Protein backbone atom coordinates (compact mmCIF):
# COMPACT_ATOMS: atom_id res chain seq x y z
CA MET A 1 13.24 -2.92 -75.13
CA SER A 2 15.26 -0.02 -76.58
CA ASP A 3 17.84 -2.45 -78.00
CA ILE A 4 15.29 -4.29 -80.18
CA ARG A 5 16.17 -3.69 -83.83
CA LEU A 6 13.78 -4.90 -86.52
CA THR A 7 14.43 -2.20 -89.12
CA GLY A 8 13.09 -3.07 -92.55
CA LYS A 9 12.22 -6.67 -91.65
CA THR A 10 8.81 -8.07 -92.56
CA ILE A 11 7.44 -10.06 -89.64
CA LEU A 12 4.37 -12.26 -89.88
CA VAL A 13 2.03 -11.95 -86.90
CA THR A 14 -0.31 -14.90 -86.30
CA ARG A 15 -1.99 -13.92 -83.03
CA PRO A 16 -5.76 -13.38 -82.82
CA GLU A 17 -7.28 -9.93 -82.45
CA PRO A 18 -6.81 -7.61 -80.63
CA GLU A 19 -3.37 -8.95 -79.64
CA CYS A 20 -2.48 -9.17 -83.33
CA HIS A 21 -2.64 -5.39 -83.74
CA ASP A 22 -0.94 -4.76 -80.40
CA THR A 23 1.99 -6.92 -81.50
CA ALA A 24 2.02 -5.28 -84.93
CA ASN A 25 2.24 -1.82 -83.34
CA LEU A 26 5.22 -2.91 -81.24
CA ILE A 27 6.97 -4.37 -84.29
CA ALA A 28 6.43 -1.09 -86.17
CA HIS A 29 7.72 0.87 -83.17
CA HIS A 30 11.02 -1.00 -83.49
CA GLY A 31 11.28 -0.40 -87.23
CA GLY A 32 9.80 -3.66 -88.50
CA ILE A 33 7.06 -4.17 -91.07
CA PRO A 34 4.21 -6.21 -89.57
CA LEU A 35 2.23 -8.52 -91.83
CA LEU A 36 -1.01 -9.65 -90.19
CA ALA A 37 -2.24 -13.24 -90.47
CA PRO A 38 -4.32 -14.02 -87.37
CA VAL A 39 -5.09 -17.74 -87.53
CA MET A 40 -7.89 -17.58 -84.95
CA THR A 41 -10.75 -15.32 -83.97
CA ILE A 42 -11.99 -15.08 -80.40
CA ALA A 43 -15.69 -15.80 -79.91
CA PRO A 44 -17.98 -16.16 -76.88
CA PRO A 45 -19.03 -19.63 -75.66
CA LEU A 46 -21.73 -21.33 -77.70
CA ASP A 47 -23.59 -21.69 -74.41
CA PRO A 48 -22.59 -19.14 -71.73
CA THR A 49 -24.85 -20.72 -69.10
CA PRO A 50 -22.11 -22.73 -67.31
CA LEU A 51 -19.95 -19.60 -67.11
CA THR A 52 -22.70 -17.34 -65.81
CA THR A 53 -23.84 -20.00 -63.34
CA ALA A 54 -20.32 -20.42 -61.97
CA LEU A 55 -19.85 -16.65 -61.64
CA HIS A 56 -23.09 -16.42 -59.66
CA GLN A 57 -21.73 -19.04 -57.26
CA LEU A 58 -18.26 -17.64 -56.58
CA ASN A 59 -18.73 -18.05 -52.83
CA ARG A 60 -18.02 -21.77 -53.44
CA TYR A 61 -14.44 -20.99 -54.44
CA GLN A 62 -11.31 -19.74 -52.74
CA GLY A 63 -10.01 -18.24 -55.98
CA VAL A 64 -10.55 -17.71 -59.69
CA ILE A 65 -7.73 -18.71 -62.06
CA LEU A 66 -7.24 -16.85 -65.33
CA THR A 67 -4.65 -18.19 -67.76
CA SER A 68 -5.12 -15.71 -70.61
CA VAL A 69 -6.19 -12.16 -71.38
CA ASN A 70 -9.24 -13.56 -73.18
CA GLY A 71 -10.21 -15.51 -70.08
CA ALA A 72 -9.91 -12.31 -68.05
CA ARG A 73 -12.10 -10.45 -70.54
CA ALA A 74 -14.76 -13.17 -70.34
CA PHE A 75 -14.64 -13.04 -66.53
CA LEU A 76 -15.13 -9.26 -66.54
CA GLN A 77 -17.88 -9.40 -69.15
CA PHE A 78 -20.00 -11.98 -67.33
CA LEU A 79 -19.21 -11.15 -63.69
CA PRO A 80 -22.46 -10.14 -61.94
CA ALA A 81 -22.57 -6.50 -60.87
CA HIS A 82 -21.75 -5.70 -57.24
CA GLN A 83 -20.45 -9.20 -56.54
CA PRO A 84 -16.93 -9.14 -55.09
CA PRO A 85 -15.03 -12.19 -56.31
CA PRO A 86 -12.59 -14.31 -54.30
CA PRO A 87 -8.86 -13.76 -54.95
CA LEU A 88 -7.92 -13.68 -58.62
CA TYR A 89 -4.83 -15.51 -59.92
CA ALA A 90 -3.37 -14.37 -63.26
CA VAL A 91 -0.87 -16.35 -65.31
CA GLY A 92 1.14 -13.26 -66.33
CA GLU A 93 1.33 -9.50 -66.44
CA LYS A 94 -0.85 -8.99 -69.52
CA THR A 95 -3.70 -10.93 -67.92
CA ALA A 96 -3.13 -9.12 -64.64
CA GLN A 97 -3.13 -5.74 -66.36
CA CYS A 98 -6.54 -6.45 -67.90
CA LEU A 99 -7.91 -7.18 -64.42
CA ARG A 100 -6.22 -4.17 -62.82
CA GLN A 101 -7.82 -1.87 -65.37
CA ALA A 102 -11.18 -3.09 -64.06
CA GLY A 103 -10.20 -2.30 -60.47
CA PHE A 104 -9.05 -5.73 -59.27
CA SER A 105 -5.73 -6.70 -57.68
CA PRO A 106 -4.81 -10.13 -59.04
CA LEU A 107 -2.00 -12.28 -57.70
CA VAL A 108 0.74 -13.09 -60.24
CA PRO A 109 3.67 -15.52 -59.99
CA ALA A 110 6.99 -13.83 -59.15
CA ASN A 111 8.43 -15.31 -62.36
CA PRO A 112 5.40 -15.74 -64.61
CA SER A 113 5.87 -18.30 -67.34
CA ASP A 114 3.14 -20.94 -67.56
CA SER A 115 0.45 -22.86 -65.70
CA ARG A 116 3.02 -24.65 -63.54
CA ALA A 117 4.37 -21.34 -62.22
CA LEU A 118 0.81 -20.19 -61.56
CA ALA A 119 -0.02 -23.37 -59.65
CA GLN A 120 2.88 -22.69 -57.29
CA VAL A 121 1.26 -19.51 -55.92
CA LEU A 122 -2.07 -21.16 -55.04
CA PRO A 123 -2.60 -21.74 -51.30
CA ARG A 124 -2.62 -25.43 -50.45
CA GLU A 125 -4.84 -25.58 -47.37
CA ASP A 126 -7.27 -28.51 -47.17
CA GLN A 127 -10.50 -28.30 -49.11
CA ARG A 128 -9.26 -25.49 -51.34
CA SER A 129 -11.41 -25.17 -54.45
CA TYR A 130 -10.71 -22.95 -57.45
CA LEU A 131 -12.54 -21.94 -60.62
CA LEU A 132 -10.62 -21.91 -63.91
CA ILE A 133 -11.96 -19.87 -66.84
CA ARG A 134 -10.41 -21.16 -70.04
CA ALA A 135 -10.80 -21.55 -73.79
CA GLN A 136 -13.01 -24.31 -75.11
CA GLU A 137 -9.85 -25.60 -76.80
CA GLY A 138 -7.66 -25.07 -73.72
CA ARG A 139 -4.88 -27.40 -72.60
CA ASP A 140 -5.35 -29.69 -69.59
CA GLU A 141 -1.99 -28.94 -67.96
CA LEU A 142 -3.46 -27.08 -64.97
CA LEU A 143 -6.14 -29.73 -64.48
CA THR A 144 -3.43 -32.39 -64.34
CA LEU A 145 -1.43 -30.34 -61.82
CA ALA A 146 -4.54 -29.98 -59.64
CA GLN A 147 -4.93 -33.76 -59.54
CA GLN A 148 -1.25 -34.24 -58.74
CA GLU A 149 -1.12 -31.60 -56.01
CA GLY A 150 -4.46 -32.26 -54.39
CA PHE A 151 -6.60 -29.19 -54.88
CA GLN A 152 -10.07 -29.03 -56.41
CA LEU A 153 -10.26 -27.30 -59.78
CA ASP A 154 -13.54 -26.71 -61.59
CA TRP A 155 -13.41 -25.22 -65.08
CA VAL A 156 -15.82 -23.49 -67.41
CA VAL A 157 -15.50 -22.27 -70.99
CA GLY A 158 -15.05 -18.51 -71.13
CA TYR A 159 -14.42 -18.18 -74.84
CA ARG A 160 -13.68 -20.04 -78.06
CA ALA A 161 -10.63 -19.65 -80.28
CA VAL A 162 -12.07 -20.35 -83.73
CA ALA A 163 -9.70 -21.19 -86.58
CA VAL A 164 -9.88 -19.03 -89.70
CA GLU A 165 -10.57 -20.77 -93.01
CA LYS A 166 -7.60 -19.48 -95.01
CA LEU A 167 -4.64 -17.13 -94.99
CA PRO A 168 -5.02 -13.60 -96.42
CA LEU A 169 -4.05 -13.33 -100.09
CA GLU A 170 -1.40 -10.70 -99.35
CA VAL A 171 0.24 -13.08 -96.88
CA VAL A 172 0.29 -15.92 -99.41
CA ALA A 173 1.82 -13.61 -102.02
CA ALA A 174 4.48 -12.23 -99.66
CA TRP A 175 5.42 -15.72 -98.46
CA ASN A 176 5.72 -17.21 -101.95
CA GLN A 177 7.84 -14.23 -103.05
CA GLN A 178 10.08 -14.84 -99.99
CA LYS A 179 9.37 -11.35 -98.65
CA VAL A 180 8.66 -12.59 -95.11
CA ASP A 181 11.77 -12.36 -92.94
CA ALA A 182 10.40 -13.88 -89.75
CA ILE A 183 7.30 -15.36 -88.13
CA THR A 184 6.38 -15.40 -84.45
CA PHE A 185 4.18 -17.85 -82.56
CA PHE A 186 2.71 -17.46 -79.07
CA SER A 187 0.93 -20.79 -78.59
CA ALA A 188 1.20 -24.37 -79.75
CA ARG A 189 -2.32 -24.21 -81.18
CA THR A 190 -1.48 -21.12 -83.23
CA ALA A 191 1.59 -22.86 -84.62
CA THR A 192 -0.42 -26.00 -85.44
CA LEU A 193 -3.19 -24.04 -87.15
CA PHE A 194 -0.71 -22.06 -89.21
CA MET A 195 0.94 -25.26 -90.42
CA GLN A 196 -2.48 -26.54 -91.50
CA LEU A 197 -3.22 -23.29 -93.35
CA PHE A 198 0.29 -23.45 -94.83
CA GLN A 199 -0.48 -26.81 -96.44
CA GLN A 200 -3.92 -25.69 -97.57
CA ALA A 201 -2.48 -22.60 -99.30
CA ASN A 202 0.31 -24.66 -100.89
CA LEU A 203 2.90 -22.14 -99.74
CA ASP A 204 6.52 -22.22 -100.79
CA HIS A 205 8.37 -24.61 -98.50
CA HIS A 206 11.08 -22.08 -97.69
CA TRP A 207 10.43 -20.98 -94.10
CA PRO A 208 11.62 -17.65 -92.71
CA LEU A 209 13.12 -17.32 -89.23
CA VAL A 210 10.78 -18.77 -86.61
CA VAL A 211 10.79 -17.36 -83.08
CA VAL A 212 8.43 -18.61 -80.35
CA ASN A 213 7.50 -17.70 -76.79
CA SER A 214 8.06 -21.10 -75.14
CA GLU A 215 9.27 -24.65 -75.57
CA GLN A 216 5.63 -25.79 -75.61
CA THR A 217 4.96 -23.57 -78.61
CA ALA A 218 8.08 -24.85 -80.34
CA ALA A 219 7.13 -28.52 -79.92
CA PRO A 220 4.68 -28.98 -82.84
CA LEU A 221 6.95 -27.01 -85.17
CA LEU A 222 9.99 -29.11 -84.33
CA ALA A 223 7.92 -32.29 -84.63
CA ALA A 224 7.02 -31.23 -88.18
CA GLY A 225 10.68 -30.63 -89.04
CA ILE A 226 10.45 -26.84 -89.01
CA PRO A 227 13.53 -25.23 -87.43
CA VAL A 228 12.99 -22.77 -84.60
CA ALA A 229 15.60 -20.02 -84.58
CA ALA A 230 14.98 -18.90 -80.99
CA VAL A 231 12.80 -19.46 -77.94
CA ALA A 232 12.18 -16.37 -75.79
CA CYS A 233 13.45 -16.47 -72.21
CA GLN A 234 9.99 -15.32 -71.04
CA PRO A 235 6.66 -15.78 -72.87
CA THR A 236 6.00 -12.08 -73.47
CA VAL A 237 5.80 -10.09 -76.69
CA ALA A 238 8.76 -7.97 -75.66
CA MET A 239 10.94 -11.00 -75.00
CA VAL A 240 9.90 -12.68 -78.27
CA LEU A 241 10.82 -9.55 -80.23
CA SER A 242 14.05 -9.25 -78.27
CA ALA A 243 14.93 -12.84 -79.18
CA LEU A 244 14.08 -12.15 -82.80
CA SER A 245 16.24 -9.03 -82.77
CA SER A 246 19.16 -11.04 -81.42
CA VAL A 247 18.82 -13.55 -84.28
CA LEU A 248 18.51 -10.83 -86.90
CA ASN A 249 21.42 -8.82 -85.45
CA PRO A 250 23.96 -11.37 -84.17
C-alpha cells in the first residue's frame, strides 16, 4: 500500500460507522482529505429473538456463515457464553479478523471476493446444514447458491442497515462547489442510497471520479448512467484506494 498516493485529494466516504472512520484514517494516511457521508447506520434487529434462538441451537448446524463484519459483531454479541460454535466461515479477511480477535479461527476462501467464493469452501457432504447471519436488507445470492448446490441454509437477521435521512450540509456544500475529487462505494445498496440522497439534496450533476469495490457495486451506478472510473481487483479498502490512486496518478 506504500504506492498509494492521494495527496491533497478530497475523497467522499459513504460507508457506515465504524468502517467510515477506518477508511477515512487510511485515506488521511496516504495524504488524502476524507469527507464523511455515511449513508447508513448499523442497528440491532427489531426483534433479536430469532437470532438468539438460533445461537442457542448451534448444535443443529455444521457451520455458521458470516458475510460481513457487522454480521460477525452480531454473532459475537449474542453468542451464549461458554457455548463453542461449529466451524465459522468468513467472507473475507476483515470479517475473519473480527472473529480472530474474539479467539475464534474462522475459515476464509483462498481468494476472498464474494458469496460465491465463500460457498466454494463449504463442505458438501449429505445433510450439511449451515446458519447464515445477515443484514435485514441482505442480498439473496448465497441463498440461491445453496439451492443450486444442494446444501441447507437457514438465515437470521443479525443487524439492520438503516438509511440516513439526508446528506451532511458540509458534504452538500463541498459537492456543489466541485471540491470533491472522488467518491468510493463498497456495496450496491450504499451506491443506491447515495443516489437517492443525491436527488433529494438536488446536488450539482457533475460527478467526481467514482471507484468501487466490485462489479456488483458498480451495477446500479452504471444503470443510472454514472461512469465508474475503476473497479478494484479485490473488494478491500486497500485495493479500492489503490485503484483510485492509479486513476488519479496515471
